């Protein structure tokens, strides 16, 4: 019985590690809940060190954290600087994510795919 439990625990660890390998180039598409506001897409580069995520999206700096398949990251960009917070989930393969964002009191949805 202990062997079976150890095997399942080991497999679960492999899935969590694979899901959280976010380092690399990503394309992020977003749409505001308010259809009168224009959405769009941005290219981002993420670097992951354990649960910490850093990087950039164009001229904006990214900081955040990933815990299992849950991710929160903040993008500081613009002039004056505005923080946009993205909260979502990463797929098990660590190749896509989806969720919600909020910036300056406006929110919407986002999807992202690793390149």
PDB file of N, CA and C in Angstrom:
ATOM      1  N   UNK A   1       0.824  -1.197   0.000  1.00  0.00           N
ATOM      2  CA  UNK A   1       0.000   0.000   0.000  1.00  0.00           C
ATOM      3  C   UNK A   1       0.863   1.254   0.000  1.00  0.00           C
ATOM      4  N   UNK A   2       1.941   1.263   0.782  1.00  0.00           N
ATOM      5  CA  UNK A   2       2.820   2.431   0.831  1.00  0.00           C
ATOM      6  C   UNK A   2       3.437   2.713  -0.531  1.00  0.00           C
ATOM      7  N   UNK A   3       3.770   1.654  -1.266  1.00  0.00           N
ATOM      8  CA  UNK A   3       4.355   1.833  -2.592  1.00  0.00           C
ATOM      9  C   UNK A   3       3.371   2.514  -3.529  1.00  0.00           C
ATOM     10  N   UNK A   4       2.114   2.125  -3.495  1.00  0.00           N
ATOM     11  CA  UNK A   4       1.102   2.734  -4.349  1.00  0.00           C
ATOM     12  C   UNK A   4       0.923   4.200  -4.002  1.00  0.00           C
ATOM     13  N   UNK A   5       0.857   4.508  -2.707  1.00  0.00           N
ATOM     14  CA  UNK A   5       0.714   5.893  -2.273  1.00  0.00           C
ATOM     15  C   UNK A   5       1.923   6.708  -2.727  1.00  0.00           C
ATOM     16  N   UNK A   6       3.121   6.167  -2.609  1.00  0.00           N
ATOM     17  CA  UNK A   6       4.333   6.874  -3.023  1.00  0.00           C
ATOM     18  C   UNK A   6       4.339   7.128  -4.524  1.00  0.00           C
ATOM     19  N   UNK A   7       3.885   6.152  -5.310  1.00  0.00           N
ATOM     20  CA  UNK A   7       3.834   6.323  -6.766  1.00  0.00           C
ATOM     21  C   UNK A   7       2.853   7.433  -7.128  1.00  0.00           C
ATOM     22  N   UNK A   8       1.654   7.436  -6.540  1.00  0.00           N
ATOM     23  CA  UNK A   8       0.678   8.484  -6.828  1.00  0.00           C
ATOM     24  C   UNK A   8       1.187   9.847  -6.386  1.00  0.00           C
ATOM     25  N   UNK A   9       1.834   9.919  -5.244  1.00  0.00           N
ATOM     26  CA  UNK A   9       2.385  11.193  -4.769  1.00  0.00           C
ATOM     27  C   UNK A   9       3.451  11.686  -5.734  1.00  0.00           C
ATOM     28  N   UNK A  10       4.294  10.786  -6.224  1.00  0.00           N
ATOM     29  CA  UNK A  10       5.327  11.167  -7.183  1.00  0.00           C
ATOM     30  C   UNK A  10       4.741  11.663  -8.491  1.00  0.00           C
ATOM     31  N   UNK A  11       3.696  11.000  -8.984  1.00  0.00           N
ATOM     32  CA  UNK A  11       3.035  11.433 -10.215  1.00  0.00           C
ATOM     33  C   UNK A  11       2.381  12.798 -10.035  1.00  0.00           C
ATOM     34  N   UNK A  12       1.766  13.030  -8.905  1.00  0.00           N
ATOM     35  CA  UNK A  12       1.137  14.323  -8.635  1.00  0.00           C
ATOM     36  C   UNK A  12       2.189  15.425  -8.630  1.00  0.00           C
ATOM     37  N   UNK A  13       3.350  15.160  -8.069  1.00  0.00           N
ATOM     38  CA  UNK A  13       4.423  16.151  -8.038  1.00  0.00           C
ATOM     39  C   UNK A  13       4.890  16.473  -9.447  1.00  0.00           C
ATOM     40  N   UNK A  14       5.013  15.474 -10.313  1.00  0.00           N
ATOM     41  CA  UNK A  14       5.435  15.703 -11.693  1.00  0.00           C
ATOM     42  C   UNK A  14       4.432  16.599 -12.410  1.00  0.00           C
ATOM     43  N   UNK A  15       3.138  16.382 -12.221  1.00  0.00           N
ATOM     44  CA  UNK A  15       2.109  17.201 -12.868  1.00  0.00           C
ATOM     45  C   UNK A  15       2.198  18.637 -12.384  1.00  0.00           C
ATOM     46  N   UNK A  16       2.363  18.870 -11.084  1.00  0.00           N
ATOM     47  CA  UNK A  16       2.456  20.231 -10.543  1.00  0.00           C
ATOM     48  C   UNK A  16       3.693  20.933 -11.075  1.00  0.00           C
ATOM     49  N   UNK A  17       4.841  20.242 -11.125  1.00  0.00           N
ATOM     50  CA  UNK A  17       6.062  20.859 -11.623  1.00  0.00           C
ATOM     51  C   UNK A  17       5.903  21.224 -13.090  1.00  0.00           C
ATOM     52  N   UNK A  18       5.331  20.335 -13.899  1.00  0.00           N
ATOM     53  CA  UNK A  18       5.151  20.619 -15.323  1.00  0.00           C
ATOM     54  C   UNK A  18       4.219  21.805 -15.532  1.00  0.00           C
ATOM     55  N   UNK A  19       3.165  21.895 -14.733  1.00  0.00           N
ATOM     56  CA  UNK A  19       2.196  22.977 -14.900  1.00  0.00           C
ATOM     57  C   UNK A  19       2.787  24.324 -14.534  1.00  0.00           C
ATOM     58  N   UNK A  20       3.794  24.347 -13.691  1.00  0.00           N
ATOM     59  CA  UNK A  20       4.293  25.628 -13.219  1.00  0.00           C
ATOM     60  C   UNK A  20       5.566  26.092 -13.932  1.00  0.00           C
ATOM     61  N   UNK A  21       5.977  25.443 -15.025  1.00  0.00           N
ATOM     62  CA  UNK A  21       7.158  25.881 -15.769  1.00  0.00           C
ATOM     63  C   UNK A  21       6.745  26.933 -16.785  1.00  0.00           C
ATOM     64  N   UNK A  22       6.694  28.179 -16.352  1.00  0.00           N
ATOM     65  CA  UNK A  22       6.166  29.258 -17.181  1.00  0.00           C
ATOM     66  C   UNK A  22       7.236  30.059 -17.904  1.00  0.00           C
ATOM     67  N   UNK A  23       8.501  29.774 -17.674  1.00  0.00           N
ATOM     68  CA  UNK A  23       9.570  30.540 -18.317  1.00  0.00           C
ATOM     69  C   UNK A  23       9.468  30.439 -19.829  1.00  0.00           C
ATOM     70  N   UNK A  24       9.556  31.594 -20.491  1.00  0.00           N
ATOM     71  CA  UNK A  24       9.518  31.607 -21.942  1.00  0.00           C
ATOM     72  C   UNK A  24       8.660  32.738 -22.480  1.00  0.00           C
ATOM     73  N   UNK A  25       8.414  32.691 -23.781  1.00  0.00           N
ATOM     74  CA  UNK A  25       7.618  33.712 -24.475  1.00  0.00           C
ATOM     75  C   UNK A  25       6.149  33.321 -24.508  1.00  0.00           C
ATOM     76  N   UNK A  26       5.285  34.299 -24.246  1.00  0.00           N
ATOM     77  CA  UNK A  26       3.841  34.089 -24.217  1.00  0.00           C
ATOM     78  C   UNK A  26       3.139  35.177 -25.022  1.00  0.00           C
ATOM     79  N   UNK A  27       2.015  34.813 -25.625  1.00  0.00           N
ATOM     80  CA  UNK A  27       1.127  35.779 -26.264  1.00  0.00           C
ATOM     81  C   UNK A  27      -0.127  35.844 -25.408  1.00  0.00           C
ATOM     82  N   UNK A  28      -0.470  37.050 -24.960  1.00  0.00           N
ATOM     83  CA  UNK A  28      -1.622  37.264 -24.078  1.00  0.00           C
ATOM     84  C   UNK A  28      -2.673  38.055 -24.844  1.00  0.00           C
ATOM     85  N   UNK A  29      -3.882  37.517 -24.934  1.00  0.00           N
ATOM     86  CA  UNK A  29      -5.013  38.210 -25.553  1.00  0.00           C
ATOM     87  C   UNK A  29      -6.007  38.572 -24.463  1.00  0.00           C
ATOM     88  N   UNK A  30      -6.589  39.768 -24.556  1.00  0.00           N
ATOM     89  CA  UNK A  30      -7.514  40.197 -23.510  1.00  0.00           C
ATOM     90  C   UNK A  30      -8.702  40.932 -24.105  1.00  0.00           C
ATOM     91  N   UNK A  31      -9.820  40.860 -23.391  1.00  0.00           N
ATOM     92  CA  UNK A  31     -11.044  41.563 -23.793  1.00  0.00           C
ATOM     93  C   UNK A  31     -11.693  42.137 -22.546  1.00  0.00           C
ATOM     94  N   UNK A  32     -12.108  43.394 -22.612  1.00  0.00           N
ATOM     95  CA  UNK A  32     -12.783  44.037 -21.497  1.00  0.00           C
ATOM     96  C   UNK A  32     -14.235  43.565 -21.418  1.00  0.00           C
ATOM     97  N   UNK A  33     -14.783  43.538 -20.210  1.00  0.00           N
ATOM     98  CA  UNK A  33     -16.200  43.240 -20.029  1.00  0.00           C
ATOM     99  C   UNK A  33     -17.057  44.296 -20.717  1.00  0.00           C
ATOM    100  N   UNK A  34     -16.611  45.545 -20.673  1.00  0.00           N
ATOM    101  CA  UNK A  34     -17.291  46.664 -21.330  1.00  0.00           C
ATOM    102  C   UNK A  34     -16.903  46.655 -22.808  1.00  0.00           C
ATOM    103  N   UNK A  35     -17.837  46.269 -23.669  1.00  0.00           N
ATOM    104  CA  UNK A  35     -17.556  46.129 -25.099  1.00  0.00           C
ATOM    105  C   UNK A  35     -17.141  47.430 -25.766  1.00  0.00           C
ATOM    106  N   UNK A  36     -17.375  48.572 -25.116  1.00  0.00           N
ATOM    107  CA  UNK A  36     -16.954  49.841 -25.713  1.00  0.00           C
ATOM    108  C   UNK A  36     -15.453  50.084 -25.540  1.00  0.00           C
ATOM    109  N   UNK A  37     -14.789  49.275 -24.715  1.00  0.00           N
ATOM    110  CA  UNK A  37     -13.342  49.401 -24.516  1.00  0.00           C
ATOM    111  C   UNK A  37     -12.634  48.379 -25.399  1.00  0.00           C
ATOM    112  N   UNK A  38     -11.578  48.835 -26.018  1.00  0.00           N
ATOM    113  CA  UNK A  38     -10.827  47.987 -26.945  1.00  0.00           C
ATOM    114  C   UNK A  38      -9.913  47.015 -26.196  1.00  0.00           C
ATOM    115  N   UNK A  39      -9.983  45.756 -26.542  1.00  0.00           N
ATOM    116  CA  UNK A  39      -9.065  44.744 -26.018  1.00  0.00           C
ATOM    117  C   UNK A  39      -7.844  44.670 -26.915  1.00  0.00           C
ATOM    118  N   UNK A  40      -7.173  43.548 -26.902  1.00  0.00           N
ATOM    119  CA  UNK A  40      -6.015  43.404 -27.768  1.00  0.00           C
ATOM    120  C   UNK A  40      -5.138  42.257 -27.356  1.00  0.00           C
ATOM    121  N   UNK A  41      -3.876  42.361 -27.715  1.00  0.00           N
ATOM    122  CA  UNK A  41      -2.905  41.324 -27.402  1.00  0.00           C
ATOM    123  C   UNK A  41      -1.556  41.931 -27.090  1.00  0.00           C
ATOM    124  N   UNK A  42      -0.787  41.232 -26.278  1.00  0.00           N
ATOM    125  CA  UNK A  42       0.558  41.672 -25.922  1.00  0.00           C
ATOM    126  C   UNK A  42       1.481  40.461 -25.911  1.00  0.00           C
ATOM    127  N   UNK A  43       2.737  40.695 -26.225  1.00  0.00           N
ATOM    128  CA  UNK A  43       3.768  39.660 -26.143  1.00  0.00           C
ATOM    129  C   UNK A  43       4.490  39.822 -24.814  1.00  0.00           C
ATOM    130  N   UNK A  44       4.639  38.725 -24.100  1.00  0.00           N
ATOM    131  CA  UNK A  44       5.283  38.756 -22.785  1.00  0.00           C
ATOM    132  C   UNK A  44       6.387  37.711 -22.704  1.00  0.00           C
ATOM    133  N   UNK A  45       7.347  37.974 -21.850  1.00  0.00           N
ATOM    134  CA  UNK A  45       8.382  36.999 -21.525  1.00  0.00           C
ATOM    135  C   UNK A  45       8.363  36.811 -20.020  1.00  0.00           C
ATOM    136  N   UNK A  46       8.158  35.575 -19.584  1.00  0.00           N
ATOM    137  CA  UNK A  46       8.124  35.255 -18.160  1.00  0.00           C
ATOM    138  C   UNK A  46       9.372  34.468 -17.782  1.00  0.00           C
ATOM    139  N   UNK A  47       9.828  34.715 -16.564  1.00  0.00           N
ATOM    140  CA  UNK A  47      10.908  33.931 -15.960  1.00  0.00           C
ATOM    141  C   UNK A  47      10.379  33.440 -14.626  1.00  0.00           C
ATOM    142  N   UNK A  48      10.539  32.155 -14.367  1.00  0.00           N
ATOM    143  CA  UNK A  48      10.044  31.598 -13.115  1.00  0.00           C
ATOM    144  C   UNK A  48      11.186  31.073 -12.274  1.00  0.00           C
ATOM    145  N   UNK A  49      11.144  31.398 -10.989  1.00  0.00           N
ATOM    146  CA  UNK A  49      12.085  30.888  -9.997  1.00  0.00           C
ATOM    147  C   UNK A  49      11.243  30.392  -8.833  1.00  0.00           C
ATOM    148  N   UNK A  50      11.088  29.069  -8.718  1.00  0.00           N
ATOM    149  CA  UNK A  50      10.192  28.454  -7.733  1.00  0.00           C
ATOM    150  C   UNK A  50       8.782  28.985  -7.968  1.00  0.00           C
ATOM    151  N   UNK A  51       8.182  29.644  -6.974  1.00  0.00           N
ATOM    152  CA  UNK A  51       6.822  30.162  -7.130  1.00  0.00           C
ATOM    153  C   UNK A  51       6.783  31.609  -7.614  1.00  0.00           C
ATOM    154  N   UNK A  52       7.934  32.241  -7.782  1.00  0.00           N
ATOM    155  CA  UNK A  52       7.986  33.650  -8.199  1.00  0.00           C
ATOM    156  C   UNK A  52       8.070  33.768  -9.720  1.00  0.00           C
ATOM    157  N   UNK A  53       7.319  34.699 -10.276  1.00  0.00           N
ATOM    158  CA  UNK A  53       7.316  34.970 -11.710  1.00  0.00           C
ATOM    159  C   UNK A  53       7.716  36.430 -11.919  1.00  0.00           C
ATOM    160  N   UNK A  54       8.657  36.664 -12.812  1.00  0.00           N
ATOM    161  CA  UNK A  54       9.051  38.012 -13.213  1.00  0.00           C
ATOM    162  C   UNK A  54       9.092  38.043 -14.737  1.00  0.00           C
ATOM    163  N   UNK A  55       9.299  39.209 -15.294  1.00  0.00           N
ATOM    164  CA  UNK A  55       9.424  39.310 -16.736  1.00  0.00           C
ATOM    165  C   UNK A  55       9.006  40.658 -17.241  1.00  0.00           C
ATOM    166  N   UNK A  56       8.608  40.680 -18.528  1.00  0.00           N
ATOM    167  CA  UNK A  56       8.161  41.932 -19.120  1.00  0.00           C
ATOM    168  C   UNK A  56       7.162  41.651 -20.232  1.00  0.00           C
ATOM    169  N   UNK A  57       6.334  42.643 -20.454  1.00  0.00           N
ATOM    170  CA  UNK A  57       5.375  42.654 -21.556  1.00  0.00           C
ATOM    171  C   UNK A  57       5.585  43.986 -22.265  1.00  0.00           C
ATOM    172  N   UNK A  58       6.384  43.990 -23.312  1.00  0.00           N
ATOM    173  CA  UNK A  58       6.721  45.236 -23.981  1.00  0.00           C
ATOM    174  C   UNK A  58       7.520  46.129 -23.058  1.00  0.00           C
ATOM    175  N   UNK A  59       6.989  47.300 -22.752  1.00  0.00           N
ATOM    176  CA  UNK A  59       7.693  48.255 -21.897  1.00  0.00           C
ATOM    177  C   UNK A  59       7.267  48.155 -20.441  1.00  0.00           C
ATOM    178  N   UNK A  60       6.536  47.112 -20.082  1.00  0.00           N
ATOM    179  CA  UNK A  60       6.050  46.983 -18.713  1.00  0.00           C
ATOM    180  C   UNK A  60       6.669  45.812 -17.974  1.00  0.00           C
ATOM    181  N   UNK A  61       6.929  46.009 -16.686  1.00  0.00           N
ATOM    182  CA  UNK A  61       7.520  44.974 -15.849  1.00  0.00           C
ATOM    183  C   UNK A  61       6.435  44.075 -15.251  1.00  0.00           C
ATOM    184  N   UNK A  62       6.758  42.780 -15.146  1.00  0.00           N
ATOM    185  CA  UNK A  62       5.848  41.785 -14.597  1.00  0.00           C
ATOM    186  C   UNK A  62       6.423  41.221 -13.303  1.00  0.00           C
ATOM    187  N   UNK A  63       5.571  41.113 -12.277  1.00  0.00           N
ATOM    188  CA  UNK A  63       5.898  40.381 -11.053  1.00  0.00           C
ATOM    189  C   UNK A  63       4.680  39.537 -10.703  1.00  0.00           C
ATOM    190  N   UNK A  64       4.908  38.392 -10.084  1.00  0.00           N
ATOM    191  CA  UNK A  64       3.774  37.565  -9.717  1.00  0.00           C
ATOM    192  C   UNK A  64       4.185  36.289  -9.027  1.00  0.00           C
ATOM    193  N   UNK A  65       3.206  35.412  -8.863  1.00  0.00           N
ATOM    194  CA  UNK A  65       3.447  34.140  -8.212  1.00  0.00           C
ATOM    195  C   UNK A  65       2.523  33.079  -8.800  1.00  0.00           C
ATOM    196  N   UNK A  66       3.045  31.843  -8.786  1.00  0.00           N
ATOM    197  CA  UNK A  66       2.272  30.689  -9.243  1.00  0.00           C
ATOM    198  C   UNK A  66       2.297  29.649  -8.134  1.00  0.00           C
ATOM    199  N   UNK A  67       1.124  29.111  -7.823  1.00  0.00           N
ATOM    200  CA  UNK A  67       1.000  28.071  -6.794  1.00  0.00           C
ATOM    201  C   UNK A  67       0.165  26.961  -7.395  1.00  0.00           C
ATOM    202  N   UNK A  68       0.835  25.851  -7.719  1.00  0.00           N
ATOM    203  CA  UNK A  68       0.146  24.783  -8.429  1.00  0.00           C
ATOM    204  C   UNK A  68      -0.262  25.295  -9.788  1.00  0.00           C
ATOM    205  N   UNK A  69      -1.543  25.248 -10.087  1.00  0.00           N
ATOM    206  CA  UNK A  69      -2.038  25.738 -11.368  1.00  0.00           C
ATOM    207  C   UNK A  69      -2.625  27.143 -11.271  1.00  0.00           C
ATOM    208  N   UNK A  70      -2.596  27.755 -10.104  1.00  0.00           N
ATOM    209  CA  UNK A  70      -3.119  29.112  -9.919  1.00  0.00           C
ATOM    210  C   UNK A  70      -2.004  30.133 -10.105  1.00  0.00           C
ATOM    211  N   UNK A  71      -2.315  31.189 -10.844  1.00  0.00           N
ATOM    212  CA  UNK A  71      -1.317  32.232 -11.097  1.00  0.00           C
ATOM    213  C   UNK A  71      -1.928  33.607 -10.882  1.00  0.00           C
ATOM    214  N   UNK A  72      -1.125  34.505 -10.330  1.00  0.00           N
ATOM    215  CA  UNK A  72      -1.456  35.928 -10.240  1.00  0.00           C
ATOM    216  C   UNK A  72      -0.212  36.681 -10.676  1.00  0.00           C
ATOM    217  N   UNK A  73      -0.383  37.589 -11.632  1.00  0.00           N
ATOM    218  CA  UNK A  73       0.744  38.419 -12.039  1.00  0.00           C
ATOM    219  C   UNK A  73       0.270  39.836 -12.300  1.00  0.00           C
ATOM    220  N   UNK A  74       1.189  40.767 -12.034  1.00  0.00           N
ATOM    221  CA  UNK A  74       0.893  42.182 -12.155  1.00  0.00           C
ATOM    222  C   UNK A  74       1.805  42.783 -13.221  1.00  0.00           C
ATOM    223  N   UNK A  75       1.203  43.572 -14.099  1.00  0.00           N
ATOM    224  CA  UNK A  75       1.929  44.262 -15.157  1.00  0.00           C
ATOM    225  C   UNK A  75       1.867  45.751 -14.872  1.00  0.00           C
ATOM    226  N   UNK A  76       3.049  46.371 -14.727  1.00  0.00           N
ATOM    227  CA  UNK A  76       3.126  47.828 -14.522  1.00  0.00           C
ATOM    228  C   UNK A  76       3.616  48.458 -15.798  1.00  0.00           C
ATOM    229  N   UNK A  77       2.737  49.224 -16.469  1.00  0.00           N
ATOM    230  CA  UNK A  77       3.096  49.798 -17.763  1.00  0.00           C
ATOM    231  C   UNK A  77       2.383  51.127 -17.958  1.00  0.00           C
ATOM    232  N   UNK A  78       2.772  51.830 -19.001  1.00  0.00           N
ATOM    233  CA  UNK A  78       2.126  53.087 -19.358  1.00  0.00           C
ATOM    234  C   UNK A  78       2.811  54.288 -18.750  1.00  0.00           C
ATOM    235  N   UNK A  79       2.303  55.462 -19.130  1.00  0.00           N
ATOM    236  CA  UNK A  79       2.815  56.713 -18.591  1.00  0.00           C
ATOM    237  C   UNK A  79       1.615  57.616 -18.332  1.00  0.00           C
ATOM    238  N   UNK A  80       1.180  57.792 -17.110  1.00  0.00           N
ATOM    239  CA  UNK A  80       1.793  57.299 -15.871  1.00  0.00           C
ATOM    240  C   UNK A  80       1.594  55.793 -15.722  1.00  0.00           C
ATOM    241  N   UNK A  81       2.425  55.199 -14.896  1.00  0.00           N
ATOM    242  CA  UNK A  81       2.391  53.757 -14.673  1.00  0.00           C
ATOM    243  C   UNK A  81       1.063  53.340 -14.053  1.00  0.00           C
ATOM    244  N   UNK A  82       0.459  52.296 -14.639  1.00  0.00           N
ATOM    245  CA  UNK A  82      -0.785  51.711 -14.148  1.00  0.00           C
ATOM    246  C   UNK A  82      -0.528  50.226 -13.941  1.00  0.00           C
ATOM    247  N   UNK A  83      -1.046  49.671 -12.860  1.00  0.00           N
ATOM    248  CA  UNK A  83      -0.889  48.244 -12.602  1.00  0.00           C
ATOM    249  C   UNK A  83      -2.130  47.496 -13.055  1.00  0.00           C
ATOM    250  N   UNK A  84      -1.913  46.475 -13.864  1.00  0.00           N
ATOM    251  CA  UNK A  84      -2.975  45.569 -14.284  1.00  0.00           C
ATOM    252  C   UNK A  84      -2.698  44.231 -13.613  1.00  0.00           C
ATOM    253  N   UNK A  85      -3.697  43.688 -12.915  1.00  0.00           N
ATOM    254  CA  UNK A  85      -3.540  42.413 -12.219  1.00  0.00           C
ATOM    255  C   UNK A  85      -4.283  41.325 -12.973  1.00  0.00           C
ATOM    256  N   UNK A  86      -3.565  40.257 -13.292  1.00  0.00           N
ATOM    257  CA  UNK A  86      -4.111  39.088 -13.976  1.00  0.00           C
ATOM    258  C   UNK A  86      -4.174  37.935 -12.980  1.00  0.00           C
ATOM    259  N   UNK A  87      -5.323  37.277 -12.882  1.00  0.00           N
ATOM    260  CA  UNK A  87      -5.497  36.134 -11.990  1.00  0.00           C
ATOM    261  C   UNK A  87      -6.141  35.016 -12.793  1.00  0.00           C
ATOM    262  N   UNK A  88      -5.532  33.831 -12.760  1.00  0.00           N
ATOM    263  CA  UNK A  88      -6.092  32.744 -13.549  1.00  0.00           C
ATOM    264  C   UNK A  88      -5.508  31.397 -13.211  1.00  0.00           C
ATOM    265  N   UNK A  89      -5.691  30.474 -14.149  1.00  0.00           N
ATOM    266  CA  UNK A  89      -5.179  29.119 -13.996  1.00  0.00           C
ATOM    267  C   UNK A  89      -4.333  28.751 -15.216  1.00  0.00           C
ATOM    268  N   UNK A  90      -3.332  27.919 -14.954  1.00  0.00           N
ATOM    269  CA  UNK A  90      -2.443  27.405 -15.981  1.00  0.00           C
ATOM    270  C   UNK A  90      -2.863  25.969 -16.271  1.00  0.00           C
ATOM    271  N   UNK A  91      -2.869  25.578 -17.540  1.00  0.00           N
ATOM    272  CA  UNK A  91      -3.220  24.191 -17.853  1.00  0.00           C
ATOM    273  C   UNK A  91      -2.136  23.243 -17.337  1.00  0.00           C
ATOM    274  N   UNK A  92      -2.456  21.958 -17.282  1.00  0.00           N
ATOM    275  CA  UNK A  92      -1.539  20.971 -16.708  1.00  0.00           C
ATOM    276  C   UNK A  92      -0.214  20.878 -17.452  1.00  0.00           C
ATOM    277  N   UNK A  93      -0.217  21.157 -18.758  1.00  0.00           N
ATOM    278  CA  UNK A  93       1.015  21.090 -19.546  1.00  0.00           C
ATOM    279  C   UNK A  93       1.872  22.344 -19.393  1.00  0.00           C
ATOM    280  N   UNK A  94       1.324  23.396 -18.756  1.00  0.00           N
ATOM    281  CA  UNK A  94       2.066  24.643 -18.605  1.00  0.00           C
ATOM    282  C   UNK A  94       2.206  25.414 -19.904  1.00  0.00           C
ATOM    283  N   UNK A  95       1.278  25.216 -20.864  1.00  0.00           N
ATOM    284  CA  UNK A  95       1.358  25.845 -22.179  1.00  0.00           C
ATOM    285  C   UNK A  95       0.294  26.910 -22.416  1.00  0.00           C
ATOM    286  N   UNK A  96      -0.709  26.987 -21.545  1.00  0.00           N
ATOM    287  CA  UNK A  96      -1.736  28.018 -21.712  1.00  0.00           C
ATOM    288  C   UNK A  96      -2.279  28.418 -20.347  1.00  0.00           C
ATOM    289  N   UNK A  97      -2.883  29.596 -20.317  1.00  0.00           N
ATOM    290  CA  UNK A  97      -3.534  30.060 -19.091  1.00  0.00           C
ATOM    291  C   UNK A  97      -4.746  30.894 -19.489  1.00  0.00           C
ATOM    292  N   UNK A  98      -5.674  31.004 -18.557  1.00  0.00           N
ATOM    293  CA  UNK A  98      -6.852  31.839 -18.781  1.00  0.00           C
ATOM    294  C   UNK A  98      -7.342  32.342 -17.446  1.00  0.00           C
ATOM    295  N   UNK A  99      -8.058  33.460 -17.494  1.00  0.00           N
ATOM    296  CA  UNK A  99      -8.574  34.023 -16.261  1.00  0.00           C
ATOM    297  C   UNK A  99      -9.131  35.406 -16.466  1.00  0.00           C
ATOM    298  N   UNK A 100      -9.007  36.225 -15.424  1.00  0.00           N
ATOM    299  CA  UNK A 100      -9.555  37.584 -15.418  1.00  0.00           C
ATOM    300  C   UNK A 100      -8.445  38.580 -15.123  1.00  0.00           C
ATOM    301  N   UNK A 101      -8.684  39.818 -15.544  1.00  0.00           N
ATOM    302  CA  UNK A 101      -7.754  40.902 -15.235  1.00  0.00           C
ATOM    303  C   UNK A 101      -8.554  42.110 -14.773  1.00  0.00           C
ATOM    304  N   UNK A 102      -7.864  43.014 -14.076  1.00  0.00           N
ATOM    305  CA  UNK A 102      -8.463  44.280 -13.671  1.00  0.00           C
ATOM    306  C   UNK A 102      -7.398  45.369 -13.790  1.00  0.00           C
ATOM    307  N   UNK A 103      -7.820  46.523 -14.337  1.00  0.00           N
ATOM    308  CA  UNK A 103      -6.928  47.668 -14.474  1.00  0.00           C
ATOM    309  C   UNK A 103      -7.751  48.944 -14.355  1.00  0.00           C
ATOM    310  N   UNK A 104      -7.319  49.835 -13.526  1.00  0.00           N
ATOM    311  CA  UNK A 104      -7.987  51.134 -13.341  1.00  0.00           C
ATOM    312  C   UNK A 104      -9.501  50.971 -13.170  1.00  0.00           C
ATOM    313  N   UNK A 105      -9.909  49.981 -12.398  1.00  0.00           N
ATOM    314  CA  UNK A 105     -11.327  49.774 -12.112  1.00  0.00           C
ATOM    315  C   UNK A 105     -12.106  49.077 -13.213  1.00  0.00           C
ATOM    316  N   UNK A 106     -11.471  48.739 -14.309  1.00  0.00           N
ATOM    317  CA  UNK A 106     -12.117  48.034 -15.419  1.00  0.00           C
ATOM    318  C   UNK A 106     -11.573  46.618 -15.472  1.00  0.00           C
ATOM    319  N   UNK A 107     -12.435  45.665 -15.822  1.00  0.00           N
ATOM    320  CA  UNK A 107     -11.999  44.270 -15.849  1.00  0.00           C
ATOM    321  C   UNK A 107     -12.387  43.563 -17.115  1.00  0.00           C
ATOM    322  N   UNK A 108     -11.913  42.323 -17.223  1.00  0.00           N
ATOM    323  CA  UNK A 108     -12.224  41.511 -18.375  1.00  0.00           C
ATOM    324  C   UNK A 108     -11.590  40.140 -18.263  1.00  0.00           C
ATOM    325  N   UNK A 109     -11.528  39.464 -19.402  1.00  0.00           N
ATOM    326  CA  UNK A 109     -10.958  38.112 -19.445  1.00  0.00           C
ATOM    327  C   UNK A 109      -9.687  38.109 -20.270  1.00  0.00           C
ATOM    328  N   UNK A 110      -8.843  37.105 -20.001  1.00  0.00           N
ATOM    329  CA  UNK A 110      -7.635  36.950 -20.803  1.00  0.00           C
ATOM    330  C   UNK A 110      -7.363  35.473 -21.066  1.00  0.00           C
ATOM    331  N   UNK A 111      -6.667  35.216 -22.144  1.00  0.00           N
ATOM    332  CA  UNK A 111      -6.107  33.903 -22.441  1.00  0.00           C
ATOM    333  C   UNK A 111      -4.659  34.137 -22.838  1.00  0.00           C
ATOM    334  N   UNK A 112      -3.821  33.147 -22.609  1.00  0.00           N
ATOM    335  CA  UNK A 112      -2.404  33.269 -22.975  1.00  0.00           C
ATOM    336  C   UNK A 112      -1.897  31.913 -23.438  1.00  0.00           C
ATOM    337  N   UNK A 113      -0.995  31.942 -24.407  1.00  0.00           N
ATOM    338  CA  UNK A 113      -0.408  30.697 -24.886  1.00  0.00           C
ATOM    339  C   UNK A 113       1.114  30.855 -24.970  1.00  0.00           C
ATOM    340  N   UNK A 114       1.801  29.801 -24.551  1.00  0.00           N
ATOM    341  CA  UNK A 114       3.252  29.789 -24.580  1.00  0.00           C
ATOM    342  C   UNK A 114       3.705  29.520 -26.000  1.00  0.00           C
ATOM    343  N   UNK A 115       4.690  30.262 -26.445  1.00  0.00           N
ATOM    344  CA  UNK A 115       5.196  30.124 -27.820  1.00  0.00           C
ATOM    345  C   UNK A 115       6.337  29.152 -27.901  1.00  0.00           C
TER     346      UNK A 115
END
